[in-house]
Structure formats: C-alpha cells, structure tokens
Amino acid sequence: MKRIIVSAFALLLITVAAVAQDNNGRQRQRMNAQEMYGRMADRLAKQMKLEDDKADAFKVLYVDYQTTRSNAANPKGEDEKDEKVNLNKITDEEATVLINKQFAAQEAQLKVDKEYLPRFLEIITPAQAARVYVRRAGGMGGNEQGTRGGQGRQGGFGGPGGGGGFGGPEGF
C-alpha cells in the first residue's frame, strides 16, 4: 500500500513539474516575442532618427502593435498549435479550410494595421510610417529595397525567390 501511495505521489510531482515547465516555456516564448519586437522598434526608431521622446512613444506603440497583430493572426493563442499539414496529401475540403483560415488571419491583421495607422501618425510622419508597414510586407516575399548596401531581399514562405503564402510549393 505504501508503494502505491509513494508511486502516486511521485507521479503527481512529475506532472506538476511538467506543467510548470510548460507554462515557463510559454512565458519565455511571449517574452522572446516582446524582446524581438522591442529590438525591431529600436532599430526602426534609429533608422528614422526619432528624438528621444518620440522614440520612446514609438517603441511602446510598436511593441503593442506587433503583439496585437500577432494575436489577431493566431486567435487560438499559444496553447493550441495547428498541426503541420502535408500539402501533397491534403483533401480539397482541408485545403479550402486552410485557405479560408489564412484569409481570416490576413483580414484580422489588416484590420489591426488600419486601426494602428492613425496612432502611429500621431508620433511619426507618413513617410516614416511607410517603414513600419511596407518593410514588414517586403519581408514576406517581396523586394525590400535600400537594405544591405542597396541589395533587395527576396524570399517568402515557399523558399528562395518567393513561393506561396501557405507554405506550399512555389507558384501556389
């Protein structure tokens, strides 16, 4: 009987430790995203040569914007990750659902983009705001001119040179 109680207690301790570790991992992921957005905001503020008070306001708004935009694209949150889909073995129905989910995420992000633009324009000029919005889009498969000594950057979800926005083969 003592062995059963000790075994059950040990199992309970292992379970509690695993749950705590998983929660710490999720918390680290959120912090890593916040840190990444903060570094991006710092870089943009320096490129735009913002004064200290404007730079501080911009950084706070930018981190909030990126966090909100990310959450809009993934309303399930970090607890529920979508399983990877093999696009070579996907049914028409599954493909339709996947495409519609992608469209919904893009629409949610566009809504956030439009909501935040007036807030950015209170701090920075339209030309500076273009760096926030156009640069982000350029990194998703388009050309990002004027970076790295004038070289453009191409790429996207489908691999070098572009590809589909669904992580599929080029030209999808």
N, C-alpha and C. Protein backbone atom coordinates (compact mmCIF):
# COMPACT_ATOMS: atom_id res chain seq x y z
N MET A 1 0.82 -1.19 0.00
CA MET A 1 0.00 0.00 0.00
C MET A 1 0.87 1.26 0.00
N LYS A 2 1.95 1.23 0.80
CA LYS A 2 2.85 2.38 0.84
C LYS A 2 3.46 2.64 -0.53
N ARG A 3 3.79 1.59 -1.26
CA ARG A 3 4.38 1.75 -2.59
C ARG A 3 3.41 2.44 -3.53
N ILE A 4 2.15 2.10 -3.44
CA ILE A 4 1.15 2.73 -4.31
C ILE A 4 1.04 4.21 -3.99
N ILE A 5 1.01 4.55 -2.72
CA ILE A 5 0.91 5.96 -2.31
C ILE A 5 2.16 6.72 -2.74
N VAL A 6 3.32 6.14 -2.51
CA VAL A 6 4.58 6.79 -2.90
C VAL A 6 4.64 6.94 -4.42
N SER A 7 4.22 5.92 -5.16
CA SER A 7 4.21 6.00 -6.63
C SER A 7 3.25 7.06 -7.12
N ALA A 8 2.08 7.13 -6.53
CA ALA A 8 1.09 8.15 -6.92
C ALA A 8 1.61 9.55 -6.62
N PHE A 9 2.25 9.70 -5.45
CA PHE A 9 2.81 11.00 -5.08
C PHE A 9 3.93 11.40 -6.04
N ALA A 10 4.78 10.46 -6.39
CA ALA A 10 5.87 10.74 -7.33
C ALA A 10 5.32 11.14 -8.69
N LEU A 11 4.28 10.43 -9.14
CA LEU A 11 3.64 10.76 -10.42
C LEU A 11 3.04 12.16 -10.37
N LEU A 12 2.42 12.49 -9.26
CA LEU A 12 1.84 13.83 -9.09
C LEU A 12 2.93 14.90 -9.16
N LEU A 13 4.04 14.67 -8.49
CA LEU A 13 5.15 15.63 -8.52
C LEU A 13 5.70 15.80 -9.93
N ILE A 14 5.85 14.70 -10.65
CA ILE A 14 6.35 14.76 -12.03
C ILE A 14 5.38 15.54 -12.91
N THR A 15 4.09 15.31 -12.74
CA THR A 15 3.08 16.01 -13.53
C THR A 15 3.10 17.51 -13.24
N VAL A 16 3.17 17.87 -11.97
CA VAL A 16 3.21 19.28 -11.58
C VAL A 16 4.46 19.95 -12.16
N ALA A 17 5.59 19.27 -12.10
CA ALA A 17 6.84 19.82 -12.64
C ALA A 17 6.74 20.01 -14.15
N ALA A 18 6.13 19.04 -14.84
CA ALA A 18 5.98 19.14 -16.30
C ALA A 18 5.07 20.30 -16.68
N VAL A 19 3.97 20.47 -15.96
CA VAL A 19 3.05 21.58 -16.25
C VAL A 19 3.73 22.91 -15.98
N ALA A 20 4.46 23.00 -14.88
CA ALA A 20 5.17 24.24 -14.56
C ALA A 20 6.21 24.56 -15.63
N GLN A 21 6.92 23.54 -16.10
CA GLN A 21 7.93 23.76 -17.14
C GLN A 21 7.27 24.22 -18.43
N ASP A 22 6.13 23.62 -18.79
CA ASP A 22 5.41 24.02 -20.00
C ASP A 22 4.94 25.46 -19.89
N ASN A 23 4.42 25.85 -18.73
CA ASN A 23 3.99 27.23 -18.53
C ASN A 23 5.16 28.19 -18.62
N ASN A 24 6.32 27.79 -18.07
CA ASN A 24 7.51 28.63 -18.18
C ASN A 24 7.94 28.76 -19.64
N GLY A 25 7.82 27.68 -20.41
CA GLY A 25 8.16 27.73 -21.83
C GLY A 25 7.28 28.71 -22.58
N ARG A 26 5.98 28.67 -22.30
CA ARG A 26 5.05 29.62 -22.96
C ARG A 26 5.36 31.04 -22.56
N GLN A 27 5.68 31.24 -21.29
CA GLN A 27 6.01 32.57 -20.81
C GLN A 27 7.28 33.07 -21.50
N ARG A 28 8.28 32.20 -21.66
CA ARG A 28 9.52 32.57 -22.35
C ARG A 28 9.24 32.93 -23.80
N GLN A 29 8.34 32.17 -24.47
CA GLN A 29 8.01 32.48 -25.86
C GLN A 29 7.40 33.88 -25.97
N ARG A 30 6.49 34.21 -25.04
CA ARG A 30 5.88 35.55 -25.06
C ARG A 30 6.94 36.62 -24.83
N MET A 31 7.84 36.36 -23.85
CA MET A 31 8.89 37.33 -23.57
C MET A 31 9.83 37.46 -24.75
N ASN A 32 10.15 36.34 -25.41
CA ASN A 32 11.03 36.39 -26.57
C ASN A 32 10.40 37.22 -27.67
N ALA A 33 9.09 37.07 -27.89
CA ALA A 33 8.41 37.87 -28.91
C ALA A 33 8.46 39.34 -28.52
N GLN A 34 8.20 39.66 -27.25
CA GLN A 34 8.25 41.04 -26.80
C GLN A 34 9.66 41.62 -26.99
N GLU A 35 10.67 40.84 -26.65
CA GLU A 35 12.06 41.30 -26.83
C GLU A 35 12.37 41.54 -28.30
N MET A 36 11.91 40.61 -29.15
CA MET A 36 12.15 40.75 -30.58
C MET A 36 11.47 42.02 -31.11
N TYR A 37 10.21 42.24 -30.72
CA TYR A 37 9.51 43.44 -31.17
C TYR A 37 10.20 44.70 -30.64
N GLY A 38 10.73 44.62 -29.42
CA GLY A 38 11.46 45.76 -28.86
C GLY A 38 12.72 46.07 -29.65
N ARG A 39 13.45 45.02 -30.05
CA ARG A 39 14.66 45.23 -30.86
C ARG A 39 14.30 45.82 -32.22
N MET A 40 13.20 45.32 -32.80
CA MET A 40 12.76 45.85 -34.09
C MET A 40 12.39 47.33 -33.95
N ALA A 41 11.71 47.67 -32.86
CA ALA A 41 11.31 49.06 -32.62
C ALA A 41 12.54 49.95 -32.44
N ASP A 42 13.53 49.46 -31.70
CA ASP A 42 14.77 50.22 -31.52
C ASP A 42 15.43 50.50 -32.87
N ARG A 43 15.53 49.46 -33.68
CA ARG A 43 16.18 49.60 -34.98
C ARG A 43 15.44 50.61 -35.86
N LEU A 44 14.11 50.49 -35.90
CA LEU A 44 13.33 51.42 -36.72
C LEU A 44 13.45 52.85 -36.20
N ALA A 45 13.39 53.03 -34.89
CA ALA A 45 13.50 54.37 -34.31
C ALA A 45 14.83 55.01 -34.66
N LYS A 46 15.90 54.21 -34.64
CA LYS A 46 17.22 54.73 -35.02
C LYS A 46 17.27 55.08 -36.50
N GLN A 47 16.71 54.20 -37.34
CA GLN A 47 16.70 54.46 -38.78
C GLN A 47 15.91 55.72 -39.11
N MET A 48 14.84 55.96 -38.37
CA MET A 48 14.01 57.13 -38.62
C MET A 48 14.55 58.37 -37.91
N LYS A 49 15.62 58.19 -37.11
CA LYS A 49 16.26 59.29 -36.38
C LYS A 49 15.25 60.06 -35.52
N LEU A 50 14.47 59.31 -34.76
CA LEU A 50 13.47 59.93 -33.90
C LEU A 50 14.13 60.53 -32.66
N GLU A 51 13.59 61.66 -32.21
CA GLU A 51 14.05 62.27 -30.96
C GLU A 51 13.66 61.34 -29.82
N ASP A 52 14.33 61.51 -28.67
CA ASP A 52 14.15 60.59 -27.55
C ASP A 52 12.69 60.39 -27.14
N ASP A 53 11.94 61.50 -26.97
CA ASP A 53 10.55 61.37 -26.52
C ASP A 53 9.69 60.67 -27.58
N LYS A 54 9.90 61.00 -28.84
CA LYS A 54 9.17 60.33 -29.92
C LYS A 54 9.60 58.88 -30.05
N ALA A 55 10.89 58.62 -29.89
CA ALA A 55 11.41 57.25 -29.99
C ALA A 55 10.80 56.38 -28.90
N ASP A 56 10.71 56.89 -27.70
CA ASP A 56 10.13 56.12 -26.60
C ASP A 56 8.65 55.81 -26.87
N ALA A 57 7.90 56.81 -27.30
CA ALA A 57 6.47 56.62 -27.59
C ALA A 57 6.30 55.65 -28.76
N PHE A 58 7.17 55.78 -29.76
CA PHE A 58 7.10 54.89 -30.92
C PHE A 58 7.36 53.45 -30.51
N LYS A 59 8.39 53.23 -29.68
CA LYS A 59 8.76 51.86 -29.28
C LYS A 59 7.62 51.18 -28.53
N VAL A 60 7.00 51.91 -27.61
CA VAL A 60 5.88 51.35 -26.84
C VAL A 60 4.73 50.99 -27.79
N LEU A 61 4.39 51.90 -28.68
CA LEU A 61 3.30 51.67 -29.61
C LEU A 61 3.63 50.52 -30.56
N TYR A 62 4.86 50.46 -31.04
CA TYR A 62 5.25 49.42 -31.99
C TYR A 62 5.16 48.03 -31.37
N VAL A 63 5.63 47.88 -30.15
CA VAL A 63 5.57 46.58 -29.47
C VAL A 63 4.10 46.19 -29.28
N ASP A 64 3.27 47.14 -28.87
CA ASP A 64 1.84 46.87 -28.70
C ASP A 64 1.20 46.48 -30.03
N TYR A 65 1.55 47.20 -31.08
CA TYR A 65 1.02 46.92 -32.43
C TYR A 65 1.40 45.51 -32.89
N GLN A 66 2.66 45.17 -32.78
CA GLN A 66 3.11 43.85 -33.24
C GLN A 66 2.48 42.73 -32.42
N THR A 67 2.35 42.94 -31.12
CA THR A 67 1.71 41.94 -30.26
C THR A 67 0.25 41.75 -30.64
N THR A 68 -0.45 42.86 -30.82
CA THR A 68 -1.87 42.81 -31.20
C THR A 68 -2.03 42.15 -32.56
N ARG A 69 -1.16 42.49 -33.48
CA ARG A 69 -1.22 41.93 -34.83
C ARG A 69 -0.97 40.42 -34.81
N SER A 70 -0.01 40.00 -34.02
CA SER A 70 0.30 38.58 -33.90
C SER A 70 -0.88 37.82 -33.28
N ASN A 71 -1.47 38.39 -32.25
CA ASN A 71 -2.62 37.76 -31.60
C ASN A 71 -3.83 37.70 -32.53
N ALA A 72 -3.98 38.70 -33.39
CA ALA A 72 -5.10 38.71 -34.35
C ALA A 72 -4.93 37.58 -35.36
N ALA A 73 -3.70 37.30 -35.74
CA ALA A 73 -3.43 36.25 -36.73
C ALA A 73 -3.59 34.86 -36.13
N ASN A 74 -3.43 34.77 -34.82
CA ASN A 74 -3.49 33.47 -34.14
C ASN A 74 -4.43 33.59 -32.95
N PRO A 75 -5.74 33.66 -33.20
CA PRO A 75 -6.68 33.88 -32.10
C PRO A 75 -6.74 32.73 -31.11
N LYS A 76 -6.26 31.55 -31.49
CA LYS A 76 -6.26 30.40 -30.57
C LYS A 76 -5.26 30.60 -29.45
N GLY A 77 -4.26 31.41 -29.69
CA GLY A 77 -3.21 31.61 -28.71
C GLY A 77 -2.16 30.53 -28.82
N GLU A 78 -1.23 30.55 -27.89
CA GLU A 78 -0.10 29.63 -27.95
C GLU A 78 -0.46 28.24 -27.45
N ASP A 79 -1.58 28.09 -26.74
CA ASP A 79 -1.94 26.80 -26.19
C ASP A 79 -2.30 25.79 -27.26
N GLU A 80 -2.91 26.24 -28.35
CA GLU A 80 -3.35 25.34 -29.40
C GLU A 80 -2.59 25.64 -30.68
N LYS A 81 -1.62 24.82 -30.97
CA LYS A 81 -0.86 24.98 -32.21
C LYS A 81 -1.52 24.16 -33.30
N ASP A 82 -1.59 24.73 -34.49
CA ASP A 82 -2.11 23.97 -35.62
C ASP A 82 -1.10 22.91 -35.99
N GLU A 83 -1.59 21.72 -36.29
CA GLU A 83 -0.68 20.67 -36.71
C GLU A 83 -0.21 20.96 -38.13
N LYS A 84 0.96 20.46 -38.45
CA LYS A 84 1.51 20.68 -39.79
C LYS A 84 0.71 19.88 -40.80
N VAL A 85 0.48 20.51 -41.94
CA VAL A 85 -0.33 19.89 -42.98
C VAL A 85 0.60 19.51 -44.14
N ASN A 86 0.47 18.28 -44.59
CA ASN A 86 1.21 17.83 -45.76
C ASN A 86 0.41 18.24 -46.99
N LEU A 87 0.86 19.28 -47.68
CA LEU A 87 0.12 19.81 -48.82
C LEU A 87 0.07 18.85 -50.00
N ASN A 88 0.93 17.84 -50.00
CA ASN A 88 0.89 16.84 -51.07
C ASN A 88 -0.22 15.82 -50.85
N LYS A 89 -0.72 15.73 -49.63
CA LYS A 89 -1.73 14.73 -49.31
C LYS A 89 -2.98 15.37 -48.70
N ILE A 90 -3.26 16.58 -49.07
CA ILE A 90 -4.39 17.31 -48.49
C ILE A 90 -5.63 17.12 -49.36
N THR A 91 -6.78 16.99 -48.71
CA THR A 91 -8.03 16.87 -49.47
C THR A 91 -8.49 18.25 -49.90
N ASP A 92 -9.41 18.30 -50.83
CA ASP A 92 -9.95 19.59 -51.28
C ASP A 92 -10.64 20.32 -50.13
N GLU A 93 -11.35 19.58 -49.30
CA GLU A 93 -12.04 20.19 -48.17
C GLU A 93 -11.05 20.78 -47.17
N GLU A 94 -9.99 20.02 -46.87
CA GLU A 94 -8.97 20.51 -45.94
C GLU A 94 -8.26 21.73 -46.53
N ALA A 95 -8.00 21.71 -47.82
CA ALA A 95 -7.34 22.84 -48.47
C ALA A 95 -8.22 24.08 -48.40
N THR A 96 -9.51 23.92 -48.62
CA THR A 96 -10.44 25.05 -48.55
C THR A 96 -10.47 25.64 -47.15
N VAL A 97 -10.50 24.78 -46.14
CA VAL A 97 -10.49 25.25 -44.75
C VAL A 97 -9.19 26.00 -44.46
N LEU A 98 -8.07 25.43 -44.90
CA LEU A 98 -6.76 26.05 -44.68
C LEU A 98 -6.67 27.42 -45.35
N ILE A 99 -7.13 27.51 -46.58
CA ILE A 99 -7.11 28.78 -47.30
C ILE A 99 -7.99 29.81 -46.60
N ASN A 100 -9.17 29.40 -46.18
CA ASN A 100 -10.08 30.33 -45.51
C ASN A 100 -9.52 30.80 -44.17
N LYS A 101 -8.82 29.91 -43.44
CA LYS A 101 -8.16 30.31 -42.20
C LYS A 101 -7.08 31.36 -42.49
N GLN A 102 -6.33 31.14 -43.56
CA GLN A 102 -5.28 32.08 -43.94
C GLN A 102 -5.88 33.45 -44.29
N PHE A 103 -6.97 33.44 -45.06
CA PHE A 103 -7.64 34.69 -45.41
C PHE A 103 -8.15 35.40 -44.16
N ALA A 104 -8.74 34.65 -43.23
CA ALA A 104 -9.26 35.25 -42.00
C ALA A 104 -8.13 35.88 -41.18
N ALA A 105 -6.99 35.20 -41.10
CA ALA A 105 -5.84 35.75 -40.37
C ALA A 105 -5.34 37.03 -41.04
N GLN A 106 -5.27 37.02 -42.38
CA GLN A 106 -4.81 38.21 -43.10
C GLN A 106 -5.78 39.37 -42.91
N GLU A 107 -7.08 39.09 -42.93
CA GLU A 107 -8.09 40.14 -42.73
C GLU A 107 -7.99 40.72 -41.32
N ALA A 108 -7.77 39.85 -40.32
CA ALA A 108 -7.63 40.31 -38.95
C ALA A 108 -6.39 41.20 -38.80
N GLN A 109 -5.30 40.80 -39.44
CA GLN A 109 -4.08 41.61 -39.38
C GLN A 109 -4.26 42.94 -40.10
N LEU A 110 -4.95 42.93 -41.22
CA LEU A 110 -5.19 44.17 -41.95
C LEU A 110 -6.03 45.13 -41.10
N LYS A 111 -7.00 44.59 -40.38
CA LYS A 111 -7.82 45.42 -39.51
C LYS A 111 -6.95 46.09 -38.44
N VAL A 112 -6.04 45.32 -37.86
CA VAL A 112 -5.12 45.88 -36.86
C VAL A 112 -4.24 46.95 -37.50
N ASP A 113 -3.71 46.67 -38.69
CA ASP A 113 -2.88 47.64 -39.40
C ASP A 113 -3.61 48.97 -39.56
N LYS A 114 -4.85 48.90 -40.00
CA LYS A 114 -5.63 50.11 -40.24
C LYS A 114 -5.96 50.84 -38.93
N GLU A 115 -6.20 50.09 -37.86
CA GLU A 115 -6.51 50.70 -36.56
C GLU A 115 -5.30 51.42 -35.98
N TYR A 116 -4.12 50.89 -36.20
CA TYR A 116 -2.92 51.46 -35.60
C TYR A 116 -2.33 52.61 -36.41
N LEU A 117 -2.61 52.70 -37.70
CA LEU A 117 -2.00 53.75 -38.51
C LEU A 117 -2.24 55.15 -37.94
N PRO A 118 -3.46 55.54 -37.59
CA PRO A 118 -3.63 56.89 -37.04
C PRO A 118 -2.83 57.11 -35.75
N ARG A 119 -2.66 56.07 -34.96
CA ARG A 119 -1.88 56.20 -33.73
C ARG A 119 -0.40 56.41 -34.05
N PHE A 120 0.10 55.70 -35.07
CA PHE A 120 1.48 55.93 -35.48
C PHE A 120 1.65 57.35 -36.02
N LEU A 121 0.66 57.82 -36.79
CA LEU A 121 0.77 59.15 -37.40
C LEU A 121 0.73 60.28 -36.37
N GLU A 122 0.32 60.01 -35.15
CA GLU A 122 0.41 61.00 -34.08
C GLU A 122 1.86 61.17 -33.62
N ILE A 123 2.70 60.18 -33.91
CA ILE A 123 4.08 60.18 -33.44
C ILE A 123 5.06 60.40 -34.59
N ILE A 124 4.81 59.79 -35.73
CA ILE A 124 5.74 59.83 -36.85
C ILE A 124 5.03 60.32 -38.11
N THR A 125 5.82 60.63 -39.13
CA THR A 125 5.27 61.12 -40.40
C THR A 125 4.77 59.95 -41.25
N PRO A 126 3.95 60.23 -42.26
CA PRO A 126 3.52 59.15 -43.16
C PRO A 126 4.69 58.43 -43.83
N ALA A 127 5.72 59.17 -44.21
CA ALA A 127 6.89 58.52 -44.82
C ALA A 127 7.57 57.58 -43.84
N GLN A 128 7.62 57.96 -42.57
CA GLN A 128 8.20 57.08 -41.56
C GLN A 128 7.27 55.89 -41.30
N ALA A 129 5.97 56.12 -41.31
CA ALA A 129 5.00 55.03 -41.10
C ALA A 129 5.12 53.99 -42.21
N ALA A 130 5.47 54.45 -43.40
CA ALA A 130 5.65 53.51 -44.51
C ALA A 130 6.74 52.50 -44.18
N ARG A 131 7.74 52.90 -43.40
CA ARG A 131 8.79 51.97 -42.99
C ARG A 131 8.23 50.86 -42.11
N VAL A 132 7.23 51.19 -41.32
CA VAL A 132 6.61 50.19 -40.45
C VAL A 132 5.80 49.20 -41.28
N TYR A 133 5.00 49.73 -42.19
CA TYR A 133 4.06 48.89 -42.93
C TYR A 133 4.67 48.26 -44.18
N VAL A 134 5.42 48.99 -44.95
CA VAL A 134 5.93 48.47 -46.21
C VAL A 134 7.11 47.53 -45.97
N ARG A 135 7.96 47.84 -45.06
CA ARG A 135 9.11 46.97 -44.75
C ARG A 135 8.62 45.61 -44.31
N ARG A 136 7.62 45.57 -43.45
CA ARG A 136 7.07 44.30 -42.97
C ARG A 136 6.55 43.49 -44.14
N ALA A 137 5.83 44.12 -45.04
CA ALA A 137 5.29 43.41 -46.20
C ALA A 137 6.42 42.95 -47.12
N GLY A 138 7.47 43.76 -47.25
CA GLY A 138 8.60 43.41 -48.11
C GLY A 138 9.30 42.16 -47.63
N GLY A 139 9.31 41.93 -46.33
CA GLY A 139 9.98 40.77 -45.78
C GLY A 139 9.18 39.49 -45.98
N MET A 140 7.99 39.59 -46.50
CA MET A 140 7.13 38.42 -46.64
C MET A 140 7.08 37.94 -48.08
N GLY A 141 8.11 38.16 -48.83
CA GLY A 141 8.14 37.59 -50.16
C GLY A 141 8.36 38.61 -51.25
N GLY A 142 8.34 39.88 -50.89
CA GLY A 142 8.55 40.91 -51.90
C GLY A 142 9.99 41.39 -51.88
N ASN A 143 10.23 42.50 -52.51
CA ASN A 143 11.55 43.09 -52.53
C ASN A 143 11.62 44.16 -51.47
N GLU A 144 12.70 44.16 -50.73
CA GLU A 144 12.92 45.18 -49.72
C GLU A 144 14.10 46.01 -50.21
N GLN A 145 13.82 47.10 -50.87
CA GLN A 145 14.87 47.91 -51.47
C GLN A 145 15.56 48.76 -50.41
N GLY A 146 16.81 49.07 -50.68
CA GLY A 146 17.54 50.00 -49.83
C GLY A 146 18.12 49.37 -48.58
N THR A 147 18.18 48.07 -48.50
CA THR A 147 18.77 47.43 -47.34
C THR A 147 20.05 46.74 -47.75
N ARG A 148 20.90 46.54 -46.79
CA ARG A 148 22.17 45.84 -47.02
C ARG A 148 22.93 46.39 -48.22
N GLY A 149 23.20 47.65 -48.18
CA GLY A 149 24.00 48.25 -49.25
C GLY A 149 23.27 48.35 -50.57
N GLY A 150 21.95 48.46 -50.54
CA GLY A 150 21.19 48.64 -51.76
C GLY A 150 20.69 47.35 -52.38
N GLN A 151 21.02 46.22 -51.76
CA GLN A 151 20.55 44.95 -52.31
C GLN A 151 19.12 44.70 -51.85
N GLY A 152 18.31 44.21 -52.73
CA GLY A 152 16.94 43.84 -52.36
C GLY A 152 16.94 42.49 -51.68
N ARG A 153 15.84 42.17 -51.05
CA ARG A 153 15.73 40.87 -50.40
C ARG A 153 14.51 40.17 -50.96
N GLN A 154 14.71 38.97 -51.42
CA GLN A 154 13.59 38.19 -51.93
C GLN A 154 13.48 36.92 -51.11
N GLY A 155 12.28 36.43 -51.03
CA GLY A 155 12.06 35.19 -50.30
C GLY A 155 10.64 35.16 -49.82
N GLY A 156 10.29 34.16 -49.12
CA GLY A 156 8.94 34.05 -48.59
C GLY A 156 8.73 32.67 -48.04
N PHE A 157 7.50 32.31 -47.83
CA PHE A 157 7.20 31.04 -47.21
C PHE A 157 7.54 29.88 -48.12
N GLY A 158 7.51 30.07 -49.42
CA GLY A 158 7.73 28.96 -50.35
C GLY A 158 9.18 28.68 -50.63
N GLY A 159 10.10 29.45 -50.07
CA GLY A 159 11.52 29.20 -50.29
C GLY A 159 12.16 30.38 -50.99
N PRO A 160 13.40 30.25 -51.39
CA PRO A 160 14.10 31.36 -52.03
C PRO A 160 13.38 31.85 -53.28
N GLY A 161 13.26 33.16 -53.37
CA GLY A 161 12.65 33.75 -54.56
C GLY A 161 11.14 33.85 -54.49
N GLY A 162 10.54 33.48 -53.39
CA GLY A 162 9.08 33.66 -53.28
C GLY A 162 8.41 32.35 -52.99
N GLY A 163 7.26 32.17 -53.57
CA GLY A 163 6.51 30.96 -53.32
C GLY A 163 5.17 31.31 -52.74
N GLY A 164 4.46 30.32 -52.34
CA GLY A 164 3.11 30.53 -51.84
C GLY A 164 3.11 31.04 -50.42
N GLY A 165 2.11 31.82 -50.06
CA GLY A 165 1.95 32.31 -48.72
C GLY A 165 1.41 31.26 -47.78
N PHE A 166 1.16 30.05 -48.28
CA PHE A 166 0.61 29.00 -47.46
C PHE A 166 1.68 27.99 -47.08
N GLY A 167 2.92 28.26 -47.36
CA GLY A 167 3.99 27.33 -47.03
C GLY A 167 4.10 26.21 -48.04
N GLY A 168 3.46 26.37 -49.17
CA GLY A 168 3.45 25.32 -50.18
C GLY A 168 4.51 25.53 -51.22
N PRO A 169 4.41 24.80 -52.29
CA PRO A 169 5.42 24.90 -53.34
C PRO A 169 5.34 26.25 -54.05
N GLU A 170 6.41 26.59 -54.73
CA GLU A 170 6.44 27.85 -55.46
C GLU A 170 5.34 27.88 -56.50
N GLY A 171 4.79 29.06 -56.66
CA GLY A 171 3.75 29.24 -57.66
C GLY A 171 2.36 28.90 -57.18
N PHE A 172 2.23 28.36 -55.93
CA PHE A 172 0.91 28.04 -55.42
C PHE A 172 0.25 29.32 -55.04
